Amino acid sequence: MALIKVLLWLLFFFSSFIMIIVILLQEPKGGGLAEAFGGMGAQTFGVKSGGINKFTMSLFAVFLASATLITILRWS
């Protein structure tokens, strides 16, 4: 059980770190941090950013699931 908790915590921190980076690099809708770096998000992900939006939502699902499982295991 301790190994599962450690793996869930690692997944939680890894997914949150990657999600922060991905969100900050996304194409801005009118300003923001990505524009402050010279439009780095547009160069990285290209004009069509449909895939990056799906990746962000998938990463959020992993983040939410790991946070929920950590909470459930903590209460049991």
C-alpha atoms as a PDB file:
ATOM      1  CA  MET A   1       0.000   0.000   0.000  1.00  0.00           C
ATOM      2  CA  ALA A   2       2.885   2.346   0.741  1.00  0.00           C
ATOM      3  CA  LEU A   3       4.292   1.815  -2.746  1.00  0.00           C
ATOM      4  CA  ILE A   4       0.958   2.774  -4.316  1.00  0.00           C
ATOM      5  CA  LYS A   5       0.828   5.966  -2.248  1.00  0.00           C
ATOM      6  CA  VAL A   6       4.361   6.919  -3.268  1.00  0.00           C
ATOM      7  CA  LEU A   7       3.598   6.272  -6.945  1.00  0.00           C
ATOM      8  CA  LEU A   8       0.406   8.338  -6.721  1.00  0.00           C
ATOM      9  CA  TRP A   9       2.290  11.235  -5.123  1.00  0.00           C
ATOM     10  CA  LEU A  10       4.961  11.072  -7.829  1.00  0.00           C
ATOM     11  CA  LEU A  11       2.298  11.024 -10.538  1.00  0.00           C
ATOM     12  CA  PHE A  12       0.536  13.937  -8.864  1.00  0.00           C
ATOM     13  CA  PHE A  13       3.645  16.147  -8.685  1.00  0.00           C
ATOM     14  CA  PHE A  14       4.886  15.183 -12.139  1.00  0.00           C
ATOM     15  CA  SER A  15       1.514  15.890 -13.775  1.00  0.00           C
ATOM     16  CA  SER A  16       1.128  19.220 -11.963  1.00  0.00           C
ATOM     17  CA  PHE A  17       4.621  20.347 -13.001  1.00  0.00           C
ATOM     18  CA  ILE A  18       4.071  19.386 -16.653  1.00  0.00           C
ATOM     19  CA  MET A  19       0.604  20.971 -16.649  1.00  0.00           C
ATOM     20  CA  ILE A  20       2.019  24.285 -15.412  1.00  0.00           C
ATOM     21  CA  ILE A  21       4.598  24.308 -18.198  1.00  0.00           C
ATOM     22  CA  VAL A  22       2.104  23.340 -20.910  1.00  0.00           C
ATOM     23  CA  ILE A  23      -0.452  25.942 -19.833  1.00  0.00           C
ATOM     24  CA  LEU A  24       2.128  28.718 -19.730  1.00  0.00           C
ATOM     25  CA  LEU A  25       3.392  27.876 -23.227  1.00  0.00           C
ATOM     26  CA  GLN A  26      -0.019  27.746 -24.899  1.00  0.00           C
ATOM     27  CA  GLU A  27      -1.099  30.238 -27.518  1.00  0.00           C
ATOM     28  CA  PRO A  28      -2.469  33.334 -25.761  1.00  0.00           C
ATOM     29  CA  LYS A  29      -5.968  34.568 -26.535  1.00  0.00           C
ATOM     30  CA  GLY A  30      -4.895  38.166 -26.052  1.00  0.00           C
ATOM     31  CA  GLY A  31      -1.784  38.614 -24.004  1.00  0.00           C
ATOM     32  CA  GLY A  32      -0.398  36.641 -21.146  1.00  0.00           C
ATOM     33  CA  LEU A  33       2.837  35.045 -20.086  1.00  0.00           C
ATOM     34  CA  ALA A  34       3.464  33.213 -23.374  1.00  0.00           C
ATOM     35  CA  GLU A  35       3.485  36.551 -25.206  1.00  0.00           C
ATOM     36  CA  ALA A  36       5.975  37.953 -22.713  1.00  0.00           C
ATOM     37  CA  PHE A  37       8.472  35.329 -23.899  1.00  0.00           C
ATOM     38  CA  GLY A  38       8.113  36.435 -27.512  1.00  0.00           C
ATOM     39  CA  GLY A  39       5.367  34.078 -28.647  1.00  0.00           C
ATOM     40  CA  MET A  40       7.316  30.955 -27.739  1.00  0.00           C
ATOM     41  CA  GLY A  41       4.087  28.933 -27.525  1.00  0.00           C
ATOM     42  CA  ALA A  42       3.174  29.641 -31.137  1.00  0.00           C
ATOM     43  CA  GLN A  43       6.601  28.534 -32.339  1.00  0.00           C
ATOM     44  CA  THR A  44       6.562  25.427 -30.198  1.00  0.00           C
ATOM     45  CA  PHE A  45       3.065  24.133 -30.938  1.00  0.00           C
ATOM     46  CA  GLY A  46       2.358  25.711 -34.326  1.00  0.00           C
ATOM     47  CA  VAL A  47      -0.753  27.477 -35.531  1.00  0.00           C
ATOM     48  CA  LYS A  48      -3.111  24.539 -35.003  1.00  0.00           C
ATOM     49  CA  SER A  49      -3.201  23.944 -31.264  1.00  0.00           C
ATOM     50  CA  GLY A  50      -6.007  21.364 -31.141  1.00  0.00           C
ATOM     51  CA  GLY A  51      -3.635  18.617 -30.084  1.00  0.00           C
ATOM     52  CA  ILE A  52      -2.148  20.638 -27.254  1.00  0.00           C
ATOM     53  CA  ASN A  53      -5.619  21.359 -25.897  1.00  0.00           C
ATOM     54  CA  LYS A  54      -6.404  17.623 -25.865  1.00  0.00           C
ATOM     55  CA  PHE A  55      -3.062  16.931 -24.195  1.00  0.00           C
ATOM     56  CA  THR A  56      -3.792  19.565 -21.535  1.00  0.00           C
ATOM     57  CA  MET A  57      -7.206  18.062 -20.814  1.00  0.00           C
ATOM     58  CA  SER A  58      -5.734  14.553 -20.609  1.00  0.00           C
ATOM     59  CA  LEU A  59      -3.032  15.779 -18.267  1.00  0.00           C
ATOM     60  CA  PHE A  60      -5.667  17.485 -16.133  1.00  0.00           C
ATOM     61  CA  ALA A  61      -7.613  14.201 -15.962  1.00  0.00           C
ATOM     62  CA  VAL A  62      -4.483  12.402 -14.708  1.00  0.00           C
ATOM     63  CA  PHE A  63      -3.897  15.192 -12.174  1.00  0.00           C
ATOM     64  CA  LEU A  64      -7.490  15.077 -10.928  1.00  0.00           C
ATOM     65  CA  ALA A  65      -7.585  11.277 -10.744  1.00  0.00           C
ATOM     66  CA  SER A  66      -4.327  11.102  -8.795  1.00  0.00           C
ATOM     67  CA  ALA A  67      -5.483  13.811  -6.378  1.00  0.00           C
ATOM     68  CA  THR A  68      -8.777  11.980  -5.845  1.00  0.00           C
ATOM     69  CA  LEU A  69      -7.083   8.627  -5.276  1.00  0.00           C
ATOM     70  CA  ILE A  70      -4.603  10.174  -2.841  1.00  0.00           C
ATOM     71  CA  THR A  71      -7.502  11.622  -0.881  1.00  0.00           C
ATOM     72  CA  ILE A  72      -9.446   8.335  -0.889  1.00  0.00           C
ATOM     73  CA  LEU A  73      -6.399   6.364   0.281  1.00  0.00           C
ATOM     74  CA  ARG A  74      -5.670   8.913   2.959  1.00  0.00           C
ATOM     75  CA  TRP A  75      -9.155   8.567   4.479  1.00  0.00           C
ATOM     76  CA  SER A  76      -9.172   4.764   4.422  1.00  0.00           C
END
